[in-house]
Amino acid sequence: MESIIYTMVREADWREAERLGAYRGSVDDRRDGFLHFSTAAQLRASAAKHRAGEAGLLLVAVEAAALGAALAWEPARSGRPGLFPHLHAALPLAAVRGVTPLSLGPDGLHRFPPDIP
């Protein structure tokens, strides 16, 4: 499985996580019972499906191995192919390897760092 996984977080939610020392997830994460992550290869499709046109997002890169047994690779409920990383616990900030603002281009699509395919 991938060594680095990603989640897109609203900036206000991330500031709260920094204050608390852990990210407990978005409203959607809490409803579903786990934090949603994507691999680099899954990220663009996830952004287009779940965060289309949404400004004020941060891309949070996380070391998968630092999450231990709480990280599970599971099928998407929507039937999308492949396994998706789901964290069944709060995200400890110690596992975070980088936080990058995601801007929107004129086409309304998020602009990802060059290392995201």
N, C-alpha and C. Protein backbone atom coordinates (compact mmCIF):
# COMPACT_ATOMS: atom_id res chain seq x y z
N MET A 1 0.84 -1.18 0.00
CA MET A 1 0.00 0.00 0.00
C MET A 1 0.89 1.25 0.00
N GLU A 2 0.27 2.36 -0.23
CA GLU A 2 0.99 3.62 -0.34
C GLU A 2 1.62 4.04 1.00
N SER A 3 2.77 4.70 0.92
CA SER A 3 3.42 5.15 2.15
C SER A 3 2.87 6.52 2.59
N ILE A 4 2.47 7.36 1.64
CA ILE A 4 1.87 8.66 1.95
C ILE A 4 0.44 8.66 1.42
N ILE A 5 -0.49 9.05 2.29
CA ILE A 5 -1.89 9.18 1.90
C ILE A 5 -2.33 10.62 2.17
N TYR A 6 -3.46 11.00 1.61
CA TYR A 6 -3.88 12.41 1.63
C TYR A 6 -5.34 12.55 2.04
N THR A 7 -5.60 13.69 2.68
CA THR A 7 -6.97 14.09 2.93
C THR A 7 -7.08 15.58 2.65
N MET A 8 -8.26 16.02 2.25
CA MET A 8 -8.52 17.44 2.00
C MET A 8 -9.35 17.97 3.16
N VAL A 9 -8.85 19.00 3.81
CA VAL A 9 -9.45 19.51 5.04
C VAL A 9 -9.78 20.98 4.88
N ARG A 10 -10.95 21.37 5.35
CA ARG A 10 -11.30 22.79 5.37
C ARG A 10 -10.36 23.50 6.34
N GLU A 11 -9.91 24.69 5.95
CA GLU A 11 -8.91 25.39 6.75
C GLU A 11 -9.36 25.62 8.19
N ALA A 12 -10.59 25.99 8.41
CA ALA A 12 -11.08 26.21 9.78
C ALA A 12 -11.02 24.92 10.59
N ASP A 13 -11.34 23.79 9.96
CA ASP A 13 -11.27 22.50 10.66
C ASP A 13 -9.82 22.17 11.03
N TRP A 14 -8.89 22.51 10.13
CA TRP A 14 -7.48 22.22 10.40
C TRP A 14 -6.95 23.08 11.54
N ARG A 15 -7.35 24.33 11.57
CA ARG A 15 -6.91 25.22 12.67
C ARG A 15 -7.40 24.67 14.01
N GLU A 16 -8.61 24.11 14.04
CA GLU A 16 -9.13 23.48 15.25
C GLU A 16 -8.29 22.24 15.61
N ALA A 17 -7.90 21.47 14.60
CA ALA A 17 -7.06 20.29 14.83
C ALA A 17 -5.71 20.70 15.42
N GLU A 18 -5.15 21.78 14.91
CA GLU A 18 -3.88 22.25 15.46
C GLU A 18 -4.04 22.65 16.93
N ARG A 19 -5.15 23.24 17.25
CA ARG A 19 -5.42 23.64 18.64
C ARG A 19 -5.56 22.42 19.55
N LEU A 20 -6.23 21.37 19.03
CA LEU A 20 -6.51 20.17 19.82
C LEU A 20 -5.37 19.13 19.81
N GLY A 21 -4.49 19.22 18.78
CA GLY A 21 -3.42 18.25 18.66
C GLY A 21 -3.78 17.01 17.84
N ALA A 22 -5.01 16.97 17.30
CA ALA A 22 -5.46 15.85 16.47
C ALA A 22 -6.62 16.33 15.60
N TYR A 23 -6.74 15.75 14.43
CA TYR A 23 -7.86 16.05 13.53
C TYR A 23 -8.91 14.97 13.70
N ARG A 24 -10.11 15.38 14.06
CA ARG A 24 -11.18 14.43 14.34
C ARG A 24 -12.13 14.24 13.16
N GLY A 25 -11.85 14.92 12.06
CA GLY A 25 -12.62 14.70 10.85
C GLY A 25 -13.66 15.76 10.57
N SER A 26 -14.13 15.74 9.34
CA SER A 26 -15.18 16.64 8.88
C SER A 26 -16.53 16.11 9.35
N VAL A 27 -17.56 16.85 9.07
CA VAL A 27 -18.92 16.39 9.36
C VAL A 27 -19.18 15.07 8.63
N ASP A 28 -18.72 14.98 7.38
CA ASP A 28 -18.91 13.75 6.60
C ASP A 28 -18.15 12.58 7.23
N ASP A 29 -16.91 12.84 7.66
CA ASP A 29 -16.12 11.78 8.31
C ASP A 29 -16.83 11.27 9.56
N ARG A 30 -17.28 12.19 10.38
CA ARG A 30 -17.94 11.78 11.63
C ARG A 30 -19.23 11.01 11.35
N ARG A 31 -19.96 11.41 10.31
CA ARG A 31 -21.18 10.69 9.93
C ARG A 31 -20.85 9.26 9.50
N ASP A 32 -19.77 9.10 8.73
CA ASP A 32 -19.40 7.79 8.20
C ASP A 32 -18.64 6.92 9.21
N GLY A 33 -18.13 7.53 10.27
CA GLY A 33 -17.43 6.76 11.30
C GLY A 33 -15.95 6.55 11.06
N PHE A 34 -15.38 7.25 10.08
CA PHE A 34 -13.95 7.16 9.82
C PHE A 34 -13.51 8.38 9.02
N LEU A 35 -12.21 8.66 9.02
CA LEU A 35 -11.65 9.75 8.23
C LEU A 35 -11.32 9.23 6.84
N HIS A 36 -11.76 9.95 5.83
CA HIS A 36 -11.54 9.57 4.43
C HIS A 36 -10.17 10.05 3.96
N PHE A 37 -9.42 9.15 3.37
CA PHE A 37 -8.13 9.48 2.76
C PHE A 37 -8.14 8.96 1.32
N SER A 38 -7.15 9.42 0.56
CA SER A 38 -6.94 8.95 -0.81
C SER A 38 -5.46 8.74 -1.03
N THR A 39 -5.12 7.87 -1.95
CA THR A 39 -3.74 7.78 -2.41
C THR A 39 -3.52 8.92 -3.40
N ALA A 40 -2.28 9.13 -3.78
CA ALA A 40 -1.98 10.17 -4.77
C ALA A 40 -2.75 9.91 -6.06
N ALA A 41 -2.84 8.65 -6.47
CA ALA A 41 -3.53 8.30 -7.71
C ALA A 41 -5.04 8.50 -7.62
N GLN A 42 -5.61 8.44 -6.43
CA GLN A 42 -7.07 8.59 -6.23
C GLN A 42 -7.49 10.03 -5.96
N LEU A 43 -6.54 10.89 -5.65
CA LEU A 43 -6.84 12.20 -5.11
C LEU A 43 -7.64 13.11 -6.04
N ARG A 44 -7.26 13.21 -7.29
CA ARG A 44 -7.97 14.10 -8.22
C ARG A 44 -9.44 13.69 -8.38
N ALA A 45 -9.68 12.41 -8.52
CA ALA A 45 -11.06 11.93 -8.66
C ALA A 45 -11.86 12.19 -7.39
N SER A 46 -11.23 12.00 -6.23
CA SER A 46 -11.91 12.26 -4.96
C SER A 46 -12.26 13.74 -4.83
N ALA A 47 -11.34 14.60 -5.21
CA ALA A 47 -11.60 16.05 -5.15
C ALA A 47 -12.75 16.43 -6.07
N ALA A 48 -12.74 15.89 -7.28
CA ALA A 48 -13.80 16.21 -8.24
C ALA A 48 -15.16 15.70 -7.77
N LYS A 49 -15.19 14.55 -7.11
CA LYS A 49 -16.46 13.97 -6.67
C LYS A 49 -16.99 14.60 -5.39
N HIS A 50 -16.10 14.87 -4.43
CA HIS A 50 -16.55 15.28 -3.10
C HIS A 50 -16.28 16.74 -2.73
N ARG A 51 -15.37 17.41 -3.45
CA ARG A 51 -14.99 18.78 -3.08
C ARG A 51 -14.97 19.73 -4.27
N ALA A 52 -15.70 19.39 -5.32
CA ALA A 52 -15.69 20.19 -6.55
C ALA A 52 -15.99 21.65 -6.28
N GLY A 53 -15.09 22.52 -6.75
CA GLY A 53 -15.29 23.96 -6.64
C GLY A 53 -15.15 24.53 -5.25
N GLU A 54 -14.80 23.72 -4.26
CA GLU A 54 -14.72 24.20 -2.88
C GLU A 54 -13.38 24.88 -2.61
N ALA A 55 -13.46 26.14 -2.23
CA ALA A 55 -12.26 26.91 -1.89
C ALA A 55 -11.92 26.72 -0.42
N GLY A 56 -10.72 27.15 -0.04
CA GLY A 56 -10.32 27.12 1.36
C GLY A 56 -9.94 25.76 1.88
N LEU A 57 -9.48 24.88 0.99
CA LEU A 57 -9.08 23.54 1.42
C LEU A 57 -7.57 23.45 1.58
N LEU A 58 -7.16 22.58 2.48
CA LEU A 58 -5.76 22.24 2.66
C LEU A 58 -5.57 20.78 2.31
N LEU A 59 -4.48 20.48 1.62
CA LEU A 59 -4.12 19.10 1.32
C LEU A 59 -3.16 18.63 2.42
N VAL A 60 -3.58 17.62 3.16
CA VAL A 60 -2.80 17.11 4.28
C VAL A 60 -2.19 15.77 3.87
N ALA A 61 -0.85 15.71 3.87
CA ALA A 61 -0.12 14.49 3.53
C ALA A 61 0.25 13.78 4.84
N VAL A 62 -0.03 12.48 4.89
CA VAL A 62 0.12 11.71 6.13
C VAL A 62 0.93 10.45 5.85
N GLU A 63 1.82 10.12 6.78
CA GLU A 63 2.58 8.87 6.69
C GLU A 63 1.68 7.73 7.14
N ALA A 64 1.32 6.86 6.21
CA ALA A 64 0.37 5.78 6.50
C ALA A 64 0.87 4.87 7.62
N ALA A 65 2.14 4.53 7.63
CA ALA A 65 2.67 3.60 8.63
C ALA A 65 2.55 4.15 10.05
N ALA A 66 2.49 5.46 10.20
CA ALA A 66 2.39 6.08 11.53
C ALA A 66 1.00 5.94 12.13
N LEU A 67 0.04 5.45 11.33
CA LEU A 67 -1.35 5.37 11.80
C LEU A 67 -1.70 4.02 12.43
N GLY A 68 -0.84 3.04 12.25
CA GLY A 68 -1.04 1.75 12.89
C GLY A 68 -2.29 1.02 12.44
N ALA A 69 -2.83 0.22 13.35
CA ALA A 69 -3.97 -0.65 13.04
C ALA A 69 -5.27 0.11 12.81
N ALA A 70 -5.32 1.39 13.15
CA ALA A 70 -6.54 2.17 12.94
C ALA A 70 -6.76 2.49 11.46
N LEU A 71 -5.72 2.31 10.63
CA LEU A 71 -5.84 2.55 9.19
C LEU A 71 -6.26 1.27 8.49
N ALA A 72 -7.35 1.34 7.75
CA ALA A 72 -7.85 0.18 7.00
C ALA A 72 -7.97 0.56 5.53
N TRP A 73 -7.69 -0.40 4.66
CA TRP A 73 -7.84 -0.21 3.22
C TRP A 73 -9.14 -0.92 2.83
N GLU A 74 -10.13 -0.11 2.46
CA GLU A 74 -11.48 -0.64 2.28
C GLU A 74 -12.08 -0.16 0.96
N PRO A 75 -13.05 -0.91 0.43
CA PRO A 75 -13.73 -0.46 -0.78
C PRO A 75 -14.59 0.78 -0.48
N ALA A 76 -14.75 1.60 -1.49
CA ALA A 76 -15.62 2.78 -1.36
C ALA A 76 -17.07 2.32 -1.36
N ARG A 77 -17.89 3.00 -0.57
CA ARG A 77 -19.32 2.66 -0.54
C ARG A 77 -19.99 2.96 -1.87
N SER A 78 -19.42 3.90 -2.61
CA SER A 78 -20.01 4.30 -3.89
C SER A 78 -19.73 3.28 -4.99
N GLY A 79 -18.89 2.29 -4.68
CA GLY A 79 -18.56 1.28 -5.69
C GLY A 79 -17.38 1.66 -6.57
N ARG A 80 -16.73 2.80 -6.28
CA ARG A 80 -15.54 3.17 -7.06
C ARG A 80 -14.51 2.06 -6.92
N PRO A 81 -13.77 1.78 -8.00
CA PRO A 81 -12.81 0.68 -7.96
C PRO A 81 -11.63 0.98 -7.04
N GLY A 82 -11.05 -0.07 -6.52
CA GLY A 82 -9.86 0.04 -5.68
C GLY A 82 -10.20 0.15 -4.21
N LEU A 83 -9.17 0.08 -3.40
CA LEU A 83 -9.32 0.21 -1.96
C LEU A 83 -8.89 1.61 -1.55
N PHE A 84 -9.61 2.17 -0.60
CA PHE A 84 -9.34 3.52 -0.11
C PHE A 84 -8.88 3.46 1.33
N PRO A 85 -7.92 4.31 1.71
CA PRO A 85 -7.47 4.34 3.10
C PRO A 85 -8.49 5.07 3.97
N HIS A 86 -8.93 4.41 5.01
CA HIS A 86 -9.89 4.97 5.97
C HIS A 86 -9.27 4.87 7.37
N LEU A 87 -9.27 5.97 8.09
CA LEU A 87 -8.71 5.98 9.43
C LEU A 87 -9.84 5.93 10.45
N HIS A 88 -9.86 4.87 11.23
CA HIS A 88 -10.91 4.66 12.23
C HIS A 88 -10.45 5.18 13.60
N ALA A 89 -9.97 6.40 13.61
CA ALA A 89 -9.50 7.07 14.83
C ALA A 89 -9.23 8.52 14.44
N ALA A 90 -8.94 9.36 15.42
CA ALA A 90 -8.52 10.72 15.13
C ALA A 90 -7.12 10.68 14.51
N LEU A 91 -6.83 11.65 13.67
CA LEU A 91 -5.52 11.75 13.03
C LEU A 91 -4.55 12.48 13.97
N PRO A 92 -3.52 11.79 14.46
CA PRO A 92 -2.53 12.48 15.30
C PRO A 92 -1.66 13.38 14.43
N LEU A 93 -1.46 14.61 14.84
CA LEU A 93 -0.69 15.55 14.02
C LEU A 93 0.74 15.10 13.84
N ALA A 94 1.25 14.23 14.70
CA ALA A 94 2.61 13.71 14.55
C ALA A 94 2.77 12.88 13.27
N ALA A 95 1.68 12.36 12.72
CA ALA A 95 1.74 11.55 11.49
C ALA A 95 1.72 12.41 10.23
N VAL A 96 1.47 13.70 10.37
CA VAL A 96 1.35 14.60 9.21
C VAL A 96 2.74 14.96 8.69
N ARG A 97 2.92 14.83 7.39
CA ARG A 97 4.19 15.13 6.74
C ARG A 97 4.16 16.43 5.96
N GLY A 98 2.99 17.00 5.76
CA GLY A 98 2.91 18.28 5.06
C GLY A 98 1.48 18.75 4.93
N VAL A 99 1.33 20.07 4.88
CA VAL A 99 0.02 20.70 4.70
C VAL A 99 0.20 21.78 3.63
N THR A 100 -0.57 21.66 2.54
CA THR A 100 -0.44 22.56 1.40
C THR A 100 -1.80 23.14 1.05
N PRO A 101 -1.90 24.46 0.91
CA PRO A 101 -3.17 25.05 0.45
C PRO A 101 -3.51 24.57 -0.96
N LEU A 102 -4.78 24.28 -1.21
CA LEU A 102 -5.25 23.90 -2.55
C LEU A 102 -5.99 25.09 -3.15
N SER A 103 -5.44 25.63 -4.20
CA SER A 103 -6.12 26.72 -4.88
C SER A 103 -7.03 26.15 -5.97
N LEU A 104 -7.95 26.99 -6.41
CA LEU A 104 -8.84 26.62 -7.52
C LEU A 104 -8.38 27.35 -8.77
N GLY A 105 -8.35 26.62 -9.87
CA GLY A 105 -8.05 27.24 -11.14
C GLY A 105 -9.29 27.89 -11.73
N PRO A 106 -9.15 28.62 -12.84
CA PRO A 106 -10.29 29.27 -13.47
C PRO A 106 -11.36 28.28 -13.94
N ASP A 107 -10.97 27.02 -14.10
CA ASP A 107 -11.91 25.97 -14.51
C ASP A 107 -12.66 25.39 -13.31
N GLY A 108 -12.35 25.87 -12.09
CA GLY A 108 -13.01 25.37 -10.89
C GLY A 108 -12.39 24.11 -10.32
N LEU A 109 -11.31 23.61 -10.96
CA LEU A 109 -10.63 22.41 -10.47
C LEU A 109 -9.50 22.79 -9.52
N HIS A 110 -9.25 21.93 -8.55
CA HIS A 110 -8.17 22.18 -7.60
C HIS A 110 -6.83 22.01 -8.30
N ARG A 111 -5.89 22.83 -7.87
CA ARG A 111 -4.51 22.78 -8.38
C ARG A 111 -3.66 22.04 -7.35
N PHE A 112 -3.21 20.84 -7.74
CA PHE A 112 -2.44 19.99 -6.85
C PHE A 112 -0.94 20.21 -7.05
N PRO A 113 -0.15 19.89 -6.03
CA PRO A 113 1.31 19.97 -6.18
C PRO A 113 1.77 19.07 -7.32
N PRO A 114 2.94 19.37 -7.90
CA PRO A 114 3.41 18.60 -9.06
C PRO A 114 3.66 17.12 -8.81
N ASP A 115 3.85 16.72 -7.54
CA ASP A 115 4.12 15.30 -7.28
C ASP A 115 2.84 14.46 -7.21
N ILE A 116 1.67 15.09 -7.38
CA ILE A 116 0.41 14.36 -7.42
C ILE A 116 0.09 14.10 -8.90
N PRO A 117 -0.01 12.82 -9.28
CA PRO A 117 -0.22 12.50 -10.72
C PRO A 117 -1.56 13.00 -11.25
